[in-house]
């Protein structure tokens, strides 16, 4: 059976459409740490595992795979998290008011970082906002919420990511508005939106389902560090 391109999203992205963001050592790759800690190895063989261990010189590595990834010699598993991978085959269209979402840029960098670090939607680095387009909603000049793009593991699939809202603005439907706006850009260029959620985040999963996402499969995030 031919593997689905989303079964190995990091490997697909760093060997394909986002190869320019990768640091490679033998049979393993990782993102430029400024973009985030994601990494992948070609397989679980000794050469690839040794190469993966070498990449830990750049900091911890997050592997997103269909099952937990074993620690190579000289490394240990620091954390394991159950994920669900969701795909929007029929994404919800934009609604009136969604056009108020603003395309974020360099002037918004500090506000984006503050929001991401406070709410922890996923790994965030000083270059994460350059993955692709990020949109935000403002209240009197303050960034209330944002959402954007991350991995592009194969032609026709783009990842929604960085969805976060300051606590005092939650419950207003801001995340839904922003996700619809981000998905609209993806569908305009012929891509199917997908995303990852922590498996225990039932509230977020319900929201994503209302926006047209379905669970494609369970995934696992393995965080590796030096032993």
Foldseek 3Di string as FASTA:
>chain_A
DDDDLVQFQVVLQCVPDPVVQWDFDFQKIAGPPQQHQEIDGPDLDQVRLVRVLVVCVNPKYKGKHADAHQHRPQKHWPDKFKKFKKWFPPFAAADPPLVQWAWDDPVCQVLLVVQCVVFVQDTHHSCNCVQFTKTFHDDPRHTFWMKEWHTDSDPQETEITSTGGDVVPPPPCRSVSRVNVRVVVQVVVRHIYMYMDGPPPVVVVVSVVVRRMDGPHMIMMTMMHGD
